[in-house]
Amino acid sequence: DIDHLNPRVQKELVEWLNWLGTDVGFDGWRFDFAKGYSADVAKIYVDRSEPSFAVAEIWTSLAYGGDGKPNLNQDPHRQELVNWVNKVGGSGPATTFDFTTKGILNVAVEGELWRLRGTDGKAPGMIGWWPAKAVTFVDNHDTGSTQHMWPFPSDRVMQGYAYILTHPGTPCIFYDHFFDWGLKEEIDRLVSIRTRQGIHSESKLQIMEADADLYLAEIDGKVIVKLGPRYDVGHLIPEGFKVVAHGNDYAVW
């Protein structure tokens, strides 16, 4: 524990960050437990070290209902993420991990895919409001792995990647999934589709269907992704689109 309000602490941390940049070669920062100190302090570190990329871990609880599941409306949760970016500098390199999307996606793939369309018709996580500043993920070293604090349903992990790797935001791939779970080939295929079609953090998302057993969305008019067990979706796919990836309850055209 250190006192981030102490000028000496700030000065020495900035010096260390700049050393990491100039001498070691790092050009991006991950702010661990960023809710433990103010966005104003994080702004000092970003402004005085000038990274090309910075992402904050702001892990707070979603709003839950009496059934123990997340409420449909998670606006206060994603507003907290947006507020942090605004305070650090919305025009700069600051981003946050999209914990709102993570929490909703965790539950949605368990037969509640209607959750992936918010009340405004957009994506319900931070990517629905400010995708350029949202870093999406399926799991990380805290939520998954050996700590297992908030794991994604293990048999539906590839549905999670089919979602984040075709959608706006900046997707982040978990080391364990890529190297230890035998998913490298499937994830690689989705990455290549994203790259080939030029899908980016601010791509346009059009949600076509969002029911319990089907989520269907089109991105930039180039890619269509389906999640869920429903197979009779051919009539919903525009002419000219062909399947380029598929797996357990997901497909990409």
C-alpha atoms as a PDB file:
ATOM      1  CA  ASP A   1       0.000   0.000   0.000  1.00  0.00           C
ATOM      2  CA  ILE A   2       1.353   3.407  -0.966  1.00  0.00           C
ATOM      3  CA  ASP A   3       0.001   6.909  -0.624  1.00  0.00           C
ATOM      4  CA  HIS A   4      -0.708   8.103  -4.147  1.00  0.00           C
ATOM      5  CA  LEU A   5      -1.447  11.601  -2.830  1.00  0.00           C
ATOM      6  CA  ASN A   6       2.127  11.954  -1.626  1.00  0.00           C
ATOM      7  CA  PRO A   7       4.074  14.179  -4.088  1.00  0.00           C
ATOM      8  CA  ARG A   8       7.222  12.095  -3.608  1.00  0.00           C
ATOM      9  CA  VAL A   9       5.340   8.893  -4.442  1.00  0.00           C
ATOM     10  CA  GLN A  10       3.925  10.499  -7.565  1.00  0.00           C
ATOM     11  CA  LYS A  11       7.321  11.843  -8.626  1.00  0.00           C
ATOM     12  CA  GLU A  12       9.118   8.530  -8.184  1.00  0.00           C
ATOM     13  CA  LEU A  13       6.388   6.498  -9.858  1.00  0.00           C
ATOM     14  CA  VAL A  14       6.455   8.837 -12.852  1.00  0.00           C
ATOM     15  CA  GLU A  15      10.246   8.474 -13.031  1.00  0.00           C
ATOM     16  CA  TRP A  16       9.874   4.692 -12.913  1.00  0.00           C
ATOM     17  CA  LEU A  17       7.217   4.685 -15.649  1.00  0.00           C
ATOM     18  CA  ASN A  18       9.410   6.837 -17.878  1.00  0.00           C
ATOM     19  CA  TRP A  19      12.339   4.492 -17.233  1.00  0.00           C
ATOM     20  CA  LEU A  20      10.147   1.553 -18.272  1.00  0.00           C
ATOM     21  CA  GLY A  21       9.373   3.446 -21.458  1.00  0.00           C
ATOM     22  CA  THR A  22      12.757   4.826 -22.446  1.00  0.00           C
ATOM     23  CA  ASP A  23      15.118   2.133 -21.124  1.00  0.00           C
ATOM     24  CA  VAL A  24      13.054  -1.059 -21.209  1.00  0.00           C
ATOM     25  CA  GLY A  25      10.752  -0.307 -24.132  1.00  0.00           C
ATOM     26  CA  PHE A  26       7.251  -0.628 -22.705  1.00  0.00           C
ATOM     27  CA  ASP A  27       4.740   1.836 -24.146  1.00  0.00           C
ATOM     28  CA  GLY A  28       1.511   0.921 -22.362  1.00  0.00           C
ATOM     29  CA  TRP A  29       0.317   0.651 -18.776  1.00  0.00           C
ATOM     30  CA  ARG A  30      -2.253  -1.473 -16.969  1.00  0.00           C
ATOM     31  CA  PHE A  31      -3.505   0.225 -13.813  1.00  0.00           C
ATOM     32  CA  ASP A  32      -4.194  -2.529 -11.300  1.00  0.00           C
ATOM     33  CA  PHE A  33      -6.993  -1.988  -8.747  1.00  0.00           C
ATOM     34  CA  ALA A  34      -7.590   1.479 -10.164  1.00  0.00           C
ATOM     35  CA  LYS A  35     -10.561   2.037  -7.858  1.00  0.00           C
ATOM     36  CA  GLY A  36      -8.023   2.145  -5.017  1.00  0.00           C
ATOM     37  CA  TYR A  37      -6.914   5.666  -5.974  1.00  0.00           C
ATOM     38  CA  SER A  38      -8.552   8.547  -7.766  1.00  0.00           C
ATOM     39  CA  ALA A  39      -8.728   9.084 -11.502  1.00  0.00           C
ATOM     40  CA  ASP A  40      -7.052  12.440 -10.867  1.00  0.00           C
ATOM     41  CA  VAL A  41      -3.941  10.598  -9.678  1.00  0.00           C
ATOM     42  CA  ALA A  42      -4.041   8.217 -12.634  1.00  0.00           C
ATOM     43  CA  LYS A  43      -4.204  11.270 -14.888  1.00  0.00           C
ATOM     44  CA  ILE A  44      -0.917  12.488 -13.416  1.00  0.00           C
ATOM     45  CA  TYR A  45       0.772   9.196 -14.270  1.00  0.00           C
ATOM     46  CA  VAL A  46      -0.656   9.139 -17.797  1.00  0.00           C
ATOM     47  CA  ASP A  47       0.073  12.791 -18.571  1.00  0.00           C
ATOM     48  CA  ARG A  48       3.644  12.683 -17.263  1.00  0.00           C
ATOM     49  CA  SER A  49       4.669   9.374 -18.839  1.00  0.00           C
ATOM     50  CA  GLU A  50       2.750   9.682 -22.136  1.00  0.00           C
ATOM     51  CA  PRO A  51       2.077   5.995 -22.914  1.00  0.00           C
ATOM     52  CA  SER A  52       0.520   5.024 -26.220  1.00  0.00           C
ATOM     53  CA  PHE A  53      -2.053   2.939 -24.348  1.00  0.00           C
ATOM     54  CA  ALA A  54      -3.353   2.695 -20.793  1.00  0.00           C
ATOM     55  CA  VAL A  55      -6.057   0.459 -19.377  1.00  0.00           C
ATOM     56  CA  ALA A  56      -7.564   0.516 -15.894  1.00  0.00           C
ATOM     57  CA  GLU A  57      -8.939  -2.353 -13.851  1.00  0.00           C
ATOM     58  CA  ILE A  58     -12.046  -0.929 -12.192  1.00  0.00           C
ATOM     59  CA  TRP A  59     -13.784  -4.019 -10.888  1.00  0.00           C
ATOM     60  CA  THR A  60     -16.961  -3.157  -9.030  1.00  0.00           C
ATOM     61  CA  SER A  61     -20.145  -5.156  -8.526  1.00  0.00           C
ATOM     62  CA  LEU A  62     -22.981  -5.081 -11.028  1.00  0.00           C
ATOM     63  CA  ALA A  63     -26.518  -4.410  -9.807  1.00  0.00           C
ATOM     64  CA  TYR A  64     -28.299  -7.677  -9.016  1.00  0.00           C
ATOM     65  CA  GLY A  65     -31.957  -8.546  -8.607  1.00  0.00           C
ATOM     66  CA  GLY A  66     -33.674 -10.793  -6.118  1.00  0.00           C
ATOM     67  CA  ASP A  67     -32.988 -13.822  -8.332  1.00  0.00           C
ATOM     68  CA  GLY A  68     -29.233 -13.312  -7.935  1.00  0.00           C
ATOM     69  CA  LYS A  69     -28.806 -12.379 -11.595  1.00  0.00           C
ATOM     70  CA  PRO A  70     -27.705  -9.009 -13.012  1.00  0.00           C
ATOM     71  CA  ASN A  71     -30.408  -6.442 -13.620  1.00  0.00           C
ATOM     72  CA  LEU A  72     -31.110  -5.680 -17.263  1.00  0.00           C
ATOM     73  CA  ASN A  73     -30.165  -2.042 -16.717  1.00  0.00           C
ATOM     74  CA  GLN A  74     -26.501  -1.674 -15.768  1.00  0.00           C
ATOM     75  CA  ASP A  75     -26.161   1.998 -16.674  1.00  0.00           C
ATOM     76  CA  PRO A  76     -24.668   3.072 -13.307  1.00  0.00           C
ATOM     77  CA  HIS A  77     -21.985   0.373 -13.631  1.00  0.00           C
ATOM     78  CA  ARG A  78     -20.845   1.364 -17.090  1.00  0.00           C
ATOM     79  CA  GLN A  79     -21.174   5.040 -16.212  1.00  0.00           C
ATOM     80  CA  GLU A  80     -18.513   4.500 -13.568  1.00  0.00           C
ATOM     81  CA  LEU A  81     -16.138   3.225 -16.248  1.00  0.00           C
ATOM     82  CA  VAL A  82     -16.952   6.130 -18.547  1.00  0.00           C
ATOM     83  CA  ASN A  83     -16.423   8.611 -15.703  1.00  0.00           C
ATOM     84  CA  TRP A  84     -12.924   7.285 -15.034  1.00  0.00           C
ATOM     85  CA  VAL A  85     -11.905   7.697 -18.676  1.00  0.00           C
ATOM     86  CA  ASN A  86     -13.379  11.195 -18.804  1.00  0.00           C
ATOM     87  CA  LYS A  87     -11.445  12.270 -15.722  1.00  0.00           C
ATOM     88  CA  VAL A  88      -8.157  10.812 -16.933  1.00  0.00           C
ATOM     89  CA  GLY A  89      -8.685  12.311 -20.375  1.00  0.00           C
ATOM     90  CA  GLY A  90     -11.093  11.064 -22.982  1.00  0.00           C
ATOM     91  CA  SER A  91      -8.967  12.320 -25.859  1.00  0.00           C
ATOM     92  CA  GLY A  92      -5.861  10.544 -24.576  1.00  0.00           C
ATOM     93  CA  PRO A  93      -4.765   6.885 -24.373  1.00  0.00           C
ATOM     94  CA  ALA A  94      -6.845   5.935 -21.313  1.00  0.00           C
ATOM     95  CA  THR A  95      -9.251   2.976 -21.520  1.00  0.00           C
ATOM     96  CA  THR A  96     -10.899   0.628 -19.025  1.00  0.00           C
ATOM     97  CA  PHE A  97     -11.621  -3.068 -18.967  1.00  0.00           C
ATOM     98  CA  ASP A  98     -15.291  -3.541 -19.825  1.00  0.00           C
ATOM     99  CA  PHE A  99     -16.397  -5.368 -16.686  1.00  0.00           C
ATOM    100  CA  THR A 100     -20.012  -4.510 -17.519  1.00  0.00           C
ATOM    101  CA  THR A 101     -19.884  -6.562 -20.702  1.00  0.00           C
ATOM    102  CA  LYS A 102     -18.033  -9.361 -18.905  1.00  0.00           C
ATOM    103  CA  GLY A 103     -20.707  -9.647 -16.218  1.00  0.00           C
ATOM    104  CA  ILE A 104     -23.627  -9.595 -18.632  1.00  0.00           C
ATOM    105  CA  LEU A 105     -21.976 -12.011 -21.077  1.00  0.00           C
ATOM    106  CA  ASN A 106     -21.276 -14.472 -18.247  1.00  0.00           C
ATOM    107  CA  VAL A 107     -25.019 -14.885 -17.695  1.00  0.00           C
ATOM    108  CA  ALA A 108     -26.260 -14.327 -21.248  1.00  0.00           C
ATOM    109  CA  VAL A 109     -24.569 -17.421 -22.691  1.00  0.00           C
ATOM    110  CA  GLU A 110     -26.460 -19.572 -20.167  1.00  0.00           C
ATOM    111  CA  GLY A 111     -29.691 -19.399 -22.160  1.00  0.00           C
ATOM    112  CA  GLU A 112     -30.422 -15.688 -21.661  1.00  0.00           C
ATOM    113  CA  LEU A 113     -28.972 -14.138 -24.810  1.00  0.00           C
ATOM    114  CA  TRP A 114     -31.700 -11.475 -24.772  1.00  0.00           C
ATOM    115  CA  ARG A 115     -29.473  -9.734 -22.226  1.00  0.00           C
ATOM    116  CA  LEU A 116     -27.076  -8.750 -25.036  1.00  0.00           C
ATOM    117  CA  ARG A 117     -29.471  -6.091 -26.287  1.00  0.00           C
ATOM    118  CA  GLY A 118     -29.844  -3.166 -23.900  1.00  0.00           C
ATOM    119  CA  THR A 119     -32.988  -1.139 -23.360  1.00  0.00           C
ATOM    120  CA  ASP A 120     -31.698   1.344 -25.943  1.00  0.00           C
ATOM    121  CA  GLY A 121     -31.200  -1.388 -28.550  1.00  0.00           C
ATOM    122  CA  LYS A 122     -27.414  -1.190 -28.280  1.00  0.00           C
ATOM    123  CA  ALA A 123     -24.847  -3.436 -26.621  1.00  0.00           C
ATOM    124  CA  PRO A 124     -25.503  -3.370 -22.856  1.00  0.00           C
ATOM    125  CA  GLY A 125     -21.893  -2.970 -21.734  1.00  0.00           C
ATOM    126  CA  MET A 126     -19.457  -0.098 -22.028  1.00  0.00           C
ATOM    127  CA  ILE A 127     -19.087  -0.937 -25.731  1.00  0.00           C
ATOM    128  CA  GLY A 128     -22.656   0.262 -26.185  1.00  0.00           C
ATOM    129  CA  TRP A 129     -21.700   3.753 -24.993  1.00  0.00           C
ATOM    130  CA  TRP A 130     -18.008   4.333 -25.685  1.00  0.00           C
ATOM    131  CA  PRO A 131     -16.498   1.357 -27.521  1.00  0.00           C
ATOM    132  CA  ALA A 132     -13.276   3.167 -28.385  1.00  0.00           C
ATOM    133  CA  LYS A 133     -12.432   3.238 -24.671  1.00  0.00           C
ATOM    134  CA  ALA A 134     -13.652  -0.264 -23.754  1.00  0.00           C
ATOM    135  CA  VAL A 135     -11.275  -3.228 -23.489  1.00  0.00           C
ATOM    136  CA  THR A 136     -13.409  -6.352 -23.695  1.00  0.00           C
ATOM    137  CA  PHE A 137     -12.400  -9.723 -22.235  1.00  0.00           C
ATOM    138  CA  VAL A 138     -13.806 -13.142 -21.366  1.00  0.00           C
ATOM    139  CA  ASP A 139     -11.636 -13.895 -18.333  1.00  0.00           C
ATOM    140  CA  ASN A 140      -8.397 -12.728 -16.717  1.00  0.00           C
ATOM    141  CA  HIS A 141      -5.993 -13.926 -14.020  1.00  0.00           C
ATOM    142  CA  ASP A 142      -8.441 -12.876 -11.280  1.00  0.00           C
ATOM    143  CA  THR A 143     -11.803 -13.927 -12.703  1.00  0.00           C
ATOM    144  CA  GLY A 144     -10.556 -17.206 -14.157  1.00  0.00           C
ATOM    145  CA  SER A 145      -7.342 -19.239 -13.891  1.00  0.00           C
ATOM    146  CA  THR A 146      -6.413 -20.561 -10.439  1.00  0.00           C
ATOM    147  CA  GLN A 147      -8.128 -17.703  -8.575  1.00  0.00           C
ATOM    148  CA  HIS A 148     -11.471 -18.467 -10.242  1.00  0.00           C
ATOM    149  CA  MET A 149     -13.221 -15.490  -8.649  1.00  0.00           C
ATOM    150  CA  TRP A 150     -15.778 -14.833 -11.417  1.00  0.00           C
ATOM    151  CA  PRO A 151     -15.189 -17.392 -14.183  1.00  0.00           C
ATOM    152  CA  PHE A 152     -16.881 -17.492 -17.552  1.00  0.00           C
ATOM    153  CA  PRO A 153     -18.886 -20.725 -18.065  1.00  0.00           C
ATOM    154  CA  SER A 154     -16.087 -23.065 -19.122  1.00  0.00           C
ATOM    155  CA  ASP A 155     -18.095 -24.905 -21.780  1.00  0.00           C
ATOM    156  CA  ARG A 156     -19.123 -21.640 -23.446  1.00  0.00           C
ATOM    157  CA  VAL A 157     -15.840 -19.751 -23.561  1.00  0.00           C
ATOM    158  CA  MET A 158     -15.723 -19.724 -27.351  1.00  0.00           C
ATOM    159  CA  GLN A 159     -19.116 -18.017 -27.459  1.00  0.00           C
ATOM    160  CA  GLY A 160     -17.496 -15.268 -25.421  1.00  0.00           C
ATOM    161  CA  TYR A 161     -14.653 -14.934 -27.901  1.00  0.00           C
ATOM    162  CA  ALA A 162     -17.032 -15.037 -30.875  1.00  0.00           C
ATOM    163  CA  TYR A 163     -18.717 -12.024 -29.278  1.00  0.00           C
ATOM    164  CA  ILE A 164     -15.742  -9.867 -28.300  1.00  0.00           C
ATOM    165  CA  LEU A 165     -13.647 -10.659 -31.388  1.00  0.00           C
ATOM    166  CA  THR A 166     -16.411  -9.587 -33.781  1.00  0.00           C
ATOM    167  CA  HIS A 167     -17.717  -6.605 -31.821  1.00  0.00           C
ATOM    168  CA  PRO A 168     -16.574  -3.028 -31.237  1.00  0.00           C
ATOM    169  CA  GLY A 169     -14.159  -2.370 -28.389  1.00  0.00           C
ATOM    170  CA  THR A 170     -10.586  -3.576 -28.026  1.00  0.00           C
ATOM    171  CA  PRO A 171     -10.697  -7.329 -27.342  1.00  0.00           C
ATOM    172  CA  CYS A 172      -8.220  -8.918 -24.945  1.00  0.00           C
ATOM    173  CA  ILE A 173      -7.370 -12.635 -25.160  1.00  0.00           C
ATOM    174  CA  PHE A 174      -6.646 -14.534 -21.944  1.00  0.00           C
ATOM    175  CA  TYR A 175      -3.307 -16.363 -21.909  1.00  0.00           C
ATOM    176  CA  ASP A 176      -4.772 -19.518 -20.325  1.00  0.00           C
ATOM    177  CA  HIS A 177      -7.465 -19.869 -22.969  1.00  0.00           C
ATOM    178  CA  PHE A 178      -5.032 -19.354 -25.832  1.00  0.00           C
ATOM    179  CA  PHE A 179      -2.124 -21.506 -24.653  1.00  0.00           C
ATOM    180  CA  ASP A 180      -3.520 -23.984 -22.122  1.00  0.00           C
ATOM    181  CA  TRP A 181      -7.110 -24.750 -23.117  1.00  0.00           C
ATOM    182  CA  GLY A 182      -6.479 -25.936 -26.670  1.00  0.00           C
ATOM    183  CA  LEU A 183      -8.455 -23.019 -28.149  1.00  0.00           C
ATOM    184  CA  LYS A 184      -5.616 -21.387 -30.066  1.00  0.00           C
ATOM    185  CA  GLU A 185      -6.823 -22.467 -33.519  1.00  0.00           C
ATOM    186  CA  GLU A 186     -10.423 -21.345 -32.938  1.00  0.00           C
ATOM    187  CA  ILE A 187      -9.383 -18.016 -31.444  1.00  0.00           C
ATOM    188  CA  ASP A 188      -6.835 -17.464 -34.222  1.00  0.00           C
ATOM    189  CA  ARG A 189      -9.560 -17.956 -36.813  1.00  0.00           C
ATOM    190  CA  LEU A 190     -11.741 -15.284 -35.209  1.00  0.00           C
ATOM    191  CA  VAL A 191      -8.789 -12.894 -34.926  1.00  0.00           C
ATOM    192  CA  SER A 192      -8.000 -13.359 -38.624  1.00  0.00           C
ATOM    193  CA  ILE A 193     -11.637 -12.621 -39.543  1.00  0.00           C
ATOM    194  CA  ARG A 194     -11.570  -9.430 -37.468  1.00  0.00           C
ATOM    195  CA  THR A 195      -8.305  -8.356 -39.069  1.00  0.00           C
ATOM    196  CA  ARG A 196      -9.280  -9.286 -42.616  1.00  0.00           C
ATOM    197  CA  GLN A 197     -12.602  -7.435 -42.424  1.00  0.00           C
ATOM    198  CA  GLY A 198     -11.129  -4.397 -40.703  1.00  0.00           C
ATOM    199  CA  ILE A 199     -13.345  -4.628 -37.611  1.00  0.00           C
ATOM    200  CA  HIS A 200     -12.108  -2.068 -35.069  1.00  0.00           C
ATOM    201  CA  SER A 201     -12.924  -0.536 -31.701  1.00  0.00           C
ATOM    202  CA  GLU A 202     -15.509   1.833 -33.161  1.00  0.00           C
ATOM    203  CA  SER A 203     -17.128  -0.475 -35.698  1.00  0.00           C
ATOM    204  CA  LYS A 204     -20.874  -0.118 -36.214  1.00  0.00           C
ATOM    205  CA  LEU A 205     -22.951  -2.763 -34.441  1.00  0.00           C
ATOM    206  CA  GLN A 206     -26.459  -3.704 -35.551  1.00  0.00           C
ATOM    207  CA  ILE A 207     -28.225  -6.205 -33.307  1.00  0.00           C
ATOM    208  CA  MET A 208     -30.563  -8.238 -35.520  1.00  0.00           C
ATOM    209  CA  GLU A 209     -32.040 -10.661 -32.953  1.00  0.00           C
ATOM    210  CA  ALA A 210     -31.655 -11.142 -29.198  1.00  0.00           C
ATOM    211  CA  ASP A 211     -33.767 -13.951 -27.782  1.00  0.00           C
ATOM    212  CA  ALA A 212     -33.139 -16.558 -25.092  1.00  0.00           C
ATOM    213  CA  ASP A 213     -31.532 -19.021 -27.521  1.00  0.00           C
ATOM    214  CA  LEU A 214     -30.301 -16.703 -30.266  1.00  0.00           C
ATOM    215  CA  TYR A 215     -28.171 -13.595 -30.548  1.00  0.00           C
ATOM    216  CA  LEU A 216     -27.512 -12.364 -34.070  1.00  0.00           C
ATOM    217  CA  ALA A 217     -25.606  -9.206 -34.937  1.00  0.00           C
ATOM    218  CA  GLU A 218     -24.043  -7.551 -37.968  1.00  0.00           C
ATOM    219  CA  ILE A 219     -20.851  -5.514 -37.693  1.00  0.00           C
ATOM    220  CA  ASP A 220     -19.909  -2.867 -40.268  1.00  0.00           C
ATOM    221  CA  GLY A 221     -22.093  -4.657 -42.818  1.00  0.00           C
ATOM    222  CA  LYS A 222     -19.208  -7.113 -43.264  1.00  0.00           C
ATOM    223  CA  VAL A 223     -19.474  -9.695 -40.495  1.00  0.00           C
ATOM    224  CA  ILE A 224     -22.439 -11.483 -38.924  1.00  0.00           C
ATOM    225  CA  VAL A 225     -22.111 -13.438 -35.694  1.00  0.00           C
ATOM    226  CA  LYS A 226     -24.560 -15.876 -34.111  1.00  0.00           C
ATOM    227  CA  LEU A 227     -24.529 -17.098 -30.521  1.00  0.00           C
ATOM    228  CA  GLY A 228     -26.859 -19.732 -29.117  1.00  0.00           C
ATOM    229  CA  PRO A 229     -28.173 -23.198 -29.974  1.00  0.00           C
ATOM    230  CA  ARG A 230     -30.812 -22.138 -32.529  1.00  0.00           C
ATOM    231  CA  TYR A 231     -29.897 -23.376 -35.997  1.00  0.00           C
ATOM    232  CA  ASP A 232     -32.755 -22.199 -38.203  1.00  0.00           C
ATOM    233  CA  VAL A 233     -31.354 -18.750 -38.932  1.00  0.00           C
ATOM    234  CA  GLY A 234     -30.724 -19.028 -42.655  1.00  0.00           C
ATOM    235  CA  HIS A 235     -33.653 -16.763 -43.476  1.00  0.00           C
ATOM    236  CA  LEU A 236     -32.081 -14.023 -41.353  1.00  0.00           C
ATOM    237  CA  ILE A 237     -28.710 -14.055 -43.135  1.00  0.00           C
ATOM    238  CA  PRO A 238     -28.455 -11.639 -46.088  1.00  0.00           C
ATOM    239  CA  GLU A 239     -27.566 -13.051 -49.473  1.00  0.00           C
ATOM    240  CA  GLY A 240     -23.859 -13.239 -50.179  1.00  0.00           C
ATOM    241  CA  PHE A 241     -22.708 -14.079 -46.652  1.00  0.00           C
ATOM    242  CA  LYS A 242     -20.928 -17.410 -46.115  1.00  0.00           C
ATOM    243  CA  VAL A 243     -19.959 -19.225 -42.912  1.00  0.00           C
ATOM    244  CA  VAL A 244     -16.252 -18.689 -42.191  1.00  0.00           C
ATOM    245  CA  ALA A 245     -16.076 -19.938 -38.590  1.00  0.00           C
ATOM    246  CA  HIS A 246     -18.228 -22.053 -36.306  1.00  0.00           C
ATOM    247  CA  GLY A 247     -18.056 -23.996 -33.083  1.00  0.00           C
ATOM    248  CA  ASN A 248     -20.079 -24.889 -30.007  1.00  0.00           C
ATOM    249  CA  ASP A 249     -23.213 -22.728 -30.327  1.00  0.00           C
ATOM    250  CA  TYR A 250     -21.613 -19.969 -32.382  1.00  0.00           C
ATOM    251  CA  ALA A 251     -21.077 -19.165 -36.056  1.00  0.00           C
ATOM    252  CA  VAL A 252     -19.593 -16.300 -38.037  1.00  0.00           C
ATOM    253  CA  TRP A 253     -20.465 -15.276 -41.591  1.00  0.00           C
END
